PDB file of all heavy atoms in Angstrom:
ATOM      1  N   TRP A   1     110.122  95.946  79.814  1.00  0.00           N
ATOM      2  CA  TRP A   1     110.385  97.164  80.595  1.00  0.00           C
ATOM      3  C   TRP A   1     109.236  98.157  80.488  1.00  0.00           C
ATOM      4  O   TRP A   1     109.065  99.000  81.367  1.00  0.00           O
ATOM      5  CB  TRP A   1     111.692  97.803  80.178  1.00  0.00           C
ATOM      6  CG  TRP A   1     112.914  97.025  80.614  1.00  0.00           C
ATOM      7  CD1 TRP A   1     113.020  96.200  81.703  1.00  0.00           C
ATOM      8  CD2 TRP A   1     114.182  97.012  79.982  1.00  0.00           C
ATOM      9  NE1 TRP A   1     114.282  95.668  81.776  1.00  0.00           N
ATOM     10  CE2 TRP A   1     115.026  96.143  80.723  1.00  0.00           C
ATOM     11  CE3 TRP A   1     114.703  97.632  78.849  1.00  0.00           C
ATOM     12  CZ2 TRP A   1     116.350  95.906  80.378  1.00  0.00           C
ATOM     13  CZ3 TRP A   1     116.028  97.386  78.509  1.00  0.00           C
ATOM     14  CH2 TRP A   1     116.836  96.536  79.263  1.00  0.00           C
ATOM     15  N   ALA A   2     108.445  98.082  79.446  1.00  0.00           N
ATOM     16  CA  ALA A   2     107.247  98.932  79.342  1.00  0.00           C
ATOM     17  C   ALA A   2     106.057  98.272  80.023  1.00  0.00           C
ATOM     18  O   ALA A   2     105.324  98.922  80.770  1.00  0.00           O
ATOM     19  CB  ALA A   2     106.923  99.209  77.871  1.00  0.00           C
ATOM     20  N   ALA A   3     105.862  96.983  79.779  1.00  0.00           N
ATOM     21  CA  ALA A   3     104.655  96.297  80.243  1.00  0.00           C
ATOM     22  C   ALA A   3     104.644  96.033  81.749  1.00  0.00           C
ATOM     23  O   ALA A   3     103.619  96.247  82.407  1.00  0.00           O
ATOM     24  CB  ALA A   3     104.480  94.978  79.493  1.00  0.00           C
ATOM     25  N   MET A   4     105.747  95.583  82.301  1.00  0.00           N
ATOM     26  CA  MET A   4     105.742  95.193  83.712  1.00  0.00           C
ATOM     27  C   MET A   4     105.510  96.378  84.655  1.00  0.00           C
ATOM     28  O   MET A   4     104.683  96.274  85.563  1.00  0.00           O
ATOM     29  CB  MET A   4     107.009  94.417  84.064  1.00  0.00           C
ATOM     30  CG  MET A   4     107.006  93.044  83.383  1.00  0.00           C
ATOM     31  SD  MET A   4     108.349  91.988  83.880  1.00  0.00           S
ATOM     32  CE  MET A   4     107.737  91.445  85.464  1.00  0.00           C
ATOM     33  N   PRO A   5     106.170  97.524  84.472  1.00  0.00           N
ATOM     34  CA  PRO A   5     105.851  98.663  85.347  1.00  0.00           C
ATOM     35  C   PRO A   5     104.408  99.134  85.181  1.00  0.00           C
ATOM     36  O   PRO A   5     103.783  99.570  86.152  1.00  0.00           O
ATOM     37  CB  PRO A   5     106.841  99.751  84.916  1.00  0.00           C
ATOM     38  CG  PRO A   5     107.936  99.031  84.237  1.00  0.00           C
ATOM     39  CD  PRO A   5     107.316  97.817  83.615  1.00  0.00           C
ATOM     40  N   ALA A   6     103.886  99.040  83.962  1.00  0.00           N
ATOM     41  CA  ALA A   6     102.480  99.428  83.748  1.00  0.00           C
ATOM     42  C   ALA A   6     101.563  98.500  84.532  1.00  0.00           C
ATOM     43  O   ALA A   6     100.640  98.961  85.219  1.00  0.00           O
ATOM     44  CB  ALA A   6     102.135  99.390  82.261  1.00  0.00           C
ATOM     45  N   GLY A   7     101.814  97.195  84.469  1.00  0.00           N
ATOM     46  CA  GLY A   7     101.008  96.247  85.236  1.00  0.00           C
ATOM     47  C   GLY A   7     101.122  96.501  86.728  1.00  0.00           C
ATOM     48  O   GLY A   7     100.125  96.459  87.459  1.00  0.00           O
ATOM     49  N   SER A   8     102.344  96.794  87.188  1.00  0.00           N
ATOM     50  CA  SER A   8     102.540  97.114  88.605  1.00  0.00           C
ATOM     51  C   SER A   8     101.798  98.385  88.988  1.00  0.00           C
ATOM     52  O   SER A   8     101.270  98.499  90.096  1.00  0.00           O
ATOM     53  CB  SER A   8     104.036  97.266  88.919  1.00  0.00           C
ATOM     54  OG  SER A   8     104.697  96.039  88.789  1.00  0.00           O
ATOM     55  N   PHE A   9     101.738  99.343  88.063  1.00  0.00           N
ATOM     56  CA  PHE A   9     101.033 100.592  88.345  1.00  0.00           C
ATOM     57  C   PHE A   9      99.529 100.353  88.503  1.00  0.00           C
ATOM     58  O   PHE A   9      98.893 100.922  89.394  1.00  0.00           O
ATOM     59  CB  PHE A   9     101.292 101.631  87.254  1.00  0.00           C
ATOM     60  CG  PHE A   9     100.633 102.950  87.536  1.00  0.00           C
ATOM     61  CD1 PHE A   9     101.157 103.799  88.491  1.00  0.00           C
ATOM     62  CD2 PHE A   9      99.478 103.317  86.876  1.00  0.00           C
ATOM     63  CE1 PHE A   9     100.543 105.013  88.779  1.00  0.00           C
ATOM     64  CE2 PHE A   9      98.855 104.521  87.151  1.00  0.00           C
ATOM     65  CZ  PHE A   9      99.383 105.379  88.102  1.00  0.00           C
ATOM     66  N   PHE A  10      98.965  99.488  87.666  1.00  0.00           N
ATOM     67  CA  PHE A  10      97.541  99.174  87.811  1.00  0.00           C
ATOM     68  C   PHE A  10      97.275  98.498  89.153  1.00  0.00           C
ATOM     69  O   PHE A  10      96.259  98.758  89.803  1.00  0.00           O
ATOM     70  CB  PHE A  10      97.040  98.312  86.642  1.00  0.00           C
ATOM     71  CG  PHE A  10      96.835  99.091  85.376  1.00  0.00           C
ATOM     72  CD1 PHE A  10      97.726  98.987  84.326  1.00  0.00           C
ATOM     73  CD2 PHE A  10      95.740  99.931  85.234  1.00  0.00           C
ATOM     74  CE1 PHE A  10      97.538  99.711  83.156  1.00  0.00           C
ATOM     75  CE2 PHE A  10      95.538 100.657  84.065  1.00  0.00           C
ATOM     76  CZ  PHE A  10      96.444 100.549  83.019  1.00  0.00           C
ATOM     77  N   ALA A  11      98.190  97.634  89.588  1.00  0.00           N
ATOM     78  CA  ALA A  11      98.050  97.010  90.906  1.00  0.00           C
ATOM     79  C   ALA A  11      98.169  98.055  92.012  1.00  0.00           C
ATOM     80  O   ALA A  11      97.422  98.010  92.999  1.00  0.00           O
ATOM     81  CB  ALA A  11      99.102  95.915  91.082  1.00  0.00           C
ATOM     82  N   LEU A  12      99.089  98.994  91.851  1.00  0.00           N
ATOM     83  CA  LEU A  12      99.229 100.097  92.802  1.00  0.00           C
ATOM     84  C   LEU A  12      97.917 100.869  92.914  1.00  0.00           C
ATOM     85  O   LEU A  12      97.480 101.211  94.022  1.00  0.00           O
ATOM     86  CB  LEU A  12     100.360 101.030  92.359  1.00  0.00           C
ATOM     87  CG  LEU A  12     100.468 102.378  93.074  1.00  0.00           C
ATOM     88  CD1 LEU A  12     100.855 102.214  94.538  1.00  0.00           C
ATOM     89  CD2 LEU A  12     101.474 103.278  92.353  1.00  0.00           C
ATOM     90  N   LEU A  13      97.270 101.129  91.780  1.00  0.00           N
ATOM     91  CA  LEU A  13      95.984 101.832  91.808  1.00  0.00           C
ATOM     92  C   LEU A  13      94.949 101.077  92.632  1.00  0.00           C
ATOM     93  O   LEU A  13      94.200 101.687  93.402  1.00  0.00           O
ATOM     94  CB  LEU A  13      95.460 102.057  90.393  1.00  0.00           C
ATOM     95  CG  LEU A  13      96.193 103.087  89.544  1.00  0.00           C
ATOM     96  CD1 LEU A  13      95.586 103.143  88.152  1.00  0.00           C
ATOM     97  CD2 LEU A  13      96.170 104.450  90.202  1.00  0.00           C
ATOM     98  N   ILE A  14      94.919  99.762  92.473  1.00  0.00           N
ATOM     99  CA  ILE A  14      93.973  98.958  93.253  1.00  0.00           C
ATOM    100  C   ILE A  14      94.236  99.133  94.744  1.00  0.00           C
ATOM    101  O   ILE A  14      93.309  99.334  95.528  1.00  0.00           O
ATOM    102  CB  ILE A  14      94.033  97.474  92.838  1.00  0.00           C
ATOM    103  CG1 ILE A  14      93.444  97.306  91.432  1.00  0.00           C
ATOM    104  CG2 ILE A  14      93.314  96.577  93.846  1.00  0.00           C
ATOM    105  CD1 ILE A  14      93.641  95.930  90.830  1.00  0.00           C
ATOM    106  N   VAL A  15      95.495  99.075  95.145  1.00  0.00           N
ATOM    107  CA  VAL A  15      95.838  99.240  96.558  1.00  0.00           C
ATOM    108  C   VAL A  15      95.456 100.633  97.048  1.00  0.00           C
ATOM    109  O   VAL A  15      94.829 100.781  98.108  1.00  0.00           O
ATOM    110  CB  VAL A  15      97.338  98.953  96.797  1.00  0.00           C
ATOM    111  CG1 VAL A  15      97.777  99.408  98.182  1.00  0.00           C
ATOM    112  CG2 VAL A  15      97.626  97.465  96.607  1.00  0.00           C
ATOM    113  N   LEU A  16      95.803 101.671  96.293  1.00  0.00           N
ATOM    114  CA  LEU A  16      95.517 103.043  96.715  1.00  0.00           C
ATOM    115  C   LEU A  16      94.014 103.299  96.833  1.00  0.00           C
ATOM    116  O   LEU A  16      93.553 103.895  97.814  1.00  0.00           O
ATOM    117  CB  LEU A  16      96.145 104.052  95.751  1.00  0.00           C
ATOM    118  CG  LEU A  16      97.673 104.114  95.746  1.00  0.00           C
ATOM    119  CD1 LEU A  16      98.170 105.038  94.633  1.00  0.00           C
ATOM    120  CD2 LEU A  16      98.226 104.526  97.095  1.00  0.00           C
ATOM    121  N   VAL A  17      93.250 102.828  95.855  1.00  0.00           N
ATOM    122  CA  VAL A  17      91.802 103.054  95.879  1.00  0.00           C
ATOM    123  C   VAL A  17      91.161 102.270  97.020  1.00  0.00           C
ATOM    124  O   VAL A  17      90.312 102.802  97.751  1.00  0.00           O
ATOM    125  CB  VAL A  17      91.154 102.720  94.516  1.00  0.00           C
ATOM    126  CG1 VAL A  17      89.637 102.737  94.601  1.00  0.00           C
ATOM    127  CG2 VAL A  17      91.641 103.693  93.450  1.00  0.00           C
ATOM    128  N   THR A  18      91.540 101.023  97.203  1.00  0.00           N
ATOM    129  CA  THR A  18      90.914 100.242  98.277  1.00  0.00           C
ATOM    130  C   THR A  18      91.333 100.751  99.656  1.00  0.00           C
ATOM    131  O   THR A  18      90.563 100.646 100.608  1.00  0.00           O
ATOM    132  CB  THR A  18      91.200  98.732  98.148  1.00  0.00           C
ATOM    133  OG1 THR A  18      92.608  98.512  98.082  1.00  0.00           O
ATOM    134  CG2 THR A  18      90.528  98.156  96.917  1.00  0.00           C
ATOM    135  N   GLN A  19      92.543 101.293  99.784  1.00  0.00           N
ATOM    136  CA  GLN A  19      92.921 101.901 101.052  1.00  0.00           C
ATOM    137  C   GLN A  19      92.031 103.105 101.355  1.00  0.00           C
ATOM    138  O   GLN A  19      91.715 103.377 102.503  1.00  0.00           O
ATOM    139  CB  GLN A  19      94.390 102.344 101.031  1.00  0.00           C
ATOM    140  CG  GLN A  19      95.372 101.225 101.222  1.00  0.00           C
ATOM    141  CD  GLN A  19      96.805 101.720 101.252  1.00  0.00           C
ATOM    142  OE1 GLN A  19      97.132 102.822 100.805  1.00  0.00           O
ATOM    143  NE2 GLN A  19      97.688 100.884 101.784  1.00  0.00           N
ATOM    144  N   ARG A  20      91.630 103.803 100.315  1.00  0.00           N
ATOM    145  CA  ARG A  20      90.832 105.009 100.463  1.00  0.00           C
ATOM    146  C   ARG A  20      89.352 104.701 100.704  1.00  0.00           C
ATOM    147  O   ARG A  20      88.721 105.320 101.548  1.00  0.00           O
ATOM    148  CB  ARG A  20      90.999 105.863  99.199  1.00  0.00           C
ATOM    149  CG  ARG A  20      90.269 107.148  99.227  1.00  0.00           C
ATOM    150  CD  ARG A  20      90.934 108.075 100.152  1.00  0.00           C
ATOM    151  NE  ARG A  20      91.320 109.278  99.445  1.00  0.00           N
ATOM    152  CZ  ARG A  20      91.760 110.317 100.072  1.00  0.00           C
ATOM    153  NH1 ARG A  20      91.886 110.291 101.373  1.00  0.00           N
ATOM    154  NH2 ARG A  20      92.084 111.382  99.418  1.00  0.00           N
ATOM    155  N   ILE A  21      88.805 103.734  99.941  1.00  0.00           N
ATOM    156  CA  ILE A  21      87.356 103.487 100.022  1.00  0.00           C
ATOM    157  C   ILE A  21      87.001 102.052 100.371  1.00  0.00           C
ATOM    158  O   ILE A  21      85.856 101.637 100.204  1.00  0.00           O
ATOM    159  CB  ILE A  21      86.653 103.866  98.694  1.00  0.00           C
ATOM    160  CG1 ILE A  21      87.115 102.954  97.554  1.00  0.00           C
ATOM    161  CG2 ILE A  21      86.855 105.323  98.358  1.00  0.00           C
ATOM    162  CD1 ILE A  21      86.253 103.029  96.317  1.00  0.00           C
ATOM    163  N   GLY A  22      87.976 101.285 100.843  1.00  0.00           N
ATOM    164  CA  GLY A  22      87.770  99.869 101.105  1.00  0.00           C
ATOM    165  C   GLY A  22      86.611  99.537 102.019  1.00  0.00           C
ATOM    166  O   GLY A  22      85.981  98.497 101.879  1.00  0.00           O
ATOM    167  N   ASP A  23      86.308 100.403 102.960  1.00  0.00           N
ATOM    168  CA  ASP A  23      85.189 100.135 103.867  1.00  0.00           C
ATOM    169  C   ASP A  23      83.986 101.033 103.533  1.00  0.00           C
ATOM    170  O   ASP A  23      83.143 101.300 104.375  1.00  0.00           O
ATOM    171  CB  ASP A  23      85.610 100.282 105.326  1.00  0.00           C
ATOM    172  CG  ASP A  23      86.134 101.663 105.660  1.00  0.00           C
ATOM    173  OD1 ASP A  23      86.251 102.511 104.746  1.00  0.00           O
ATOM    174  OD2 ASP A  23      86.433 101.894 106.842  1.00  0.00           O
ATOM    175  N   GLY A  24      83.921 101.461 102.278  1.00  0.00           N
ATOM    176  CA  GLY A  24      82.842 102.339 101.838  1.00  0.00           C
ATOM    177  C   GLY A  24      81.461 101.737 101.964  1.00  0.00           C
ATOM    178  O   GLY A  24      80.467 102.454 102.109  1.00  0.00           O
ATOM    179  N   LEU A  25      81.365 100.417 101.934  1.00  0.00           N
ATOM    180  CA  LEU A  25      80.069  99.739 102.093  1.00  0.00           C
ATOM    181  C   LEU A  25      79.900  99.187 103.500  1.00  0.00           C
ATOM    182  O   LEU A  25      78.922  98.494 103.778  1.00  0.00           O
ATOM    183  CB  LEU A  25      79.926  98.612 101.069  1.00  0.00           C
ATOM    184  CG  LEU A  25      79.870  99.033  99.594  1.00  0.00           C
ATOM    185  CD1 LEU A  25      79.778  97.801  98.697  1.00  0.00           C
ATOM    186  CD2 LEU A  25      78.710  99.973  99.341  1.00  0.00           C
ATOM    187  N   GLY A  26      80.861  99.470 104.362  1.00  0.00           N
ATOM    188  CA  GLY A  26      80.786  98.981 105.734  1.00  0.00           C
ATOM    189  C   GLY A  26      82.059  98.281 106.133  1.00  0.00           C
ATOM    190  O   GLY A  26      82.903  97.957 105.299  1.00  0.00           O
ATOM    191  N   PRO A  27      82.195  97.990 107.444  1.00  0.00           N
ATOM    192  CA  PRO A  27      83.426  97.390 107.951  1.00  0.00           C
ATOM    193  C   PRO A  27      83.490  95.866 107.797  1.00  0.00           C
ATOM    194  O   PRO A  27      84.548  95.277 108.012  1.00  0.00           O
ATOM    195  CB  PRO A  27      83.421  97.785 109.431  1.00  0.00           C
ATOM    196  CG  PRO A  27      81.965  97.886 109.771  1.00  0.00           C
ATOM    197  CD  PRO A  27      81.293  98.388 108.522  1.00  0.00           C
ATOM    198  N   GLY A  28      82.416  95.224 107.430  1.00  0.00           N
ATOM    199  CA  GLY A  28      82.412  93.760 107.328  1.00  0.00           C
ATOM    200  C   GLY A  28      83.243  93.257 106.160  1.00  0.00           C
ATOM    201  O   GLY A  28      83.474  93.953 105.174  1.00  0.00           O
ATOM    202  N   ARG A  29      83.673  92.017 106.293  1.00  0.00           N
ATOM    203  CA  ARG A  29      84.516  91.397 105.263  1.00  0.00           C
ATOM    204  C   ARG A  29      83.795  91.327 103.923  1.00  0.00           C
ATOM    205  O   ARG A  29      84.376  91.619 102.872  1.00  0.00           O
ATOM    206  CB  ARG A  29      84.925  89.989 105.723  1.00  0.00           C
ATOM    207  CG  ARG A  29      85.897  89.313 104.810  1.00  0.00           C
ATOM    208  CD  ARG A  29      87.316  89.783 105.079  1.00  0.00           C
ATOM    209  NE  ARG A  29      87.802  90.502 103.920  1.00  0.00           N
ATOM    210  CZ  ARG A  29      88.856  91.289 103.916  1.00  0.00           C
ATOM    211  NH1 ARG A  29      89.534  91.482 105.013  1.00  0.00           N
ATOM    212  NH2 ARG A  29      89.257  91.899 102.836  1.00  0.00           N
TER     213      ARG A  29
END
C-alpha cells in the first residue's frame, strides 16, 4: 500500500512531464 501508489506516482510524473515538454526537441518521433 505504500510502494504501489509511489510507483504509480512516478509514472504519473513521467506522463505529466512528457505532456508538457514532449516535443521540446521537435515534433518528430
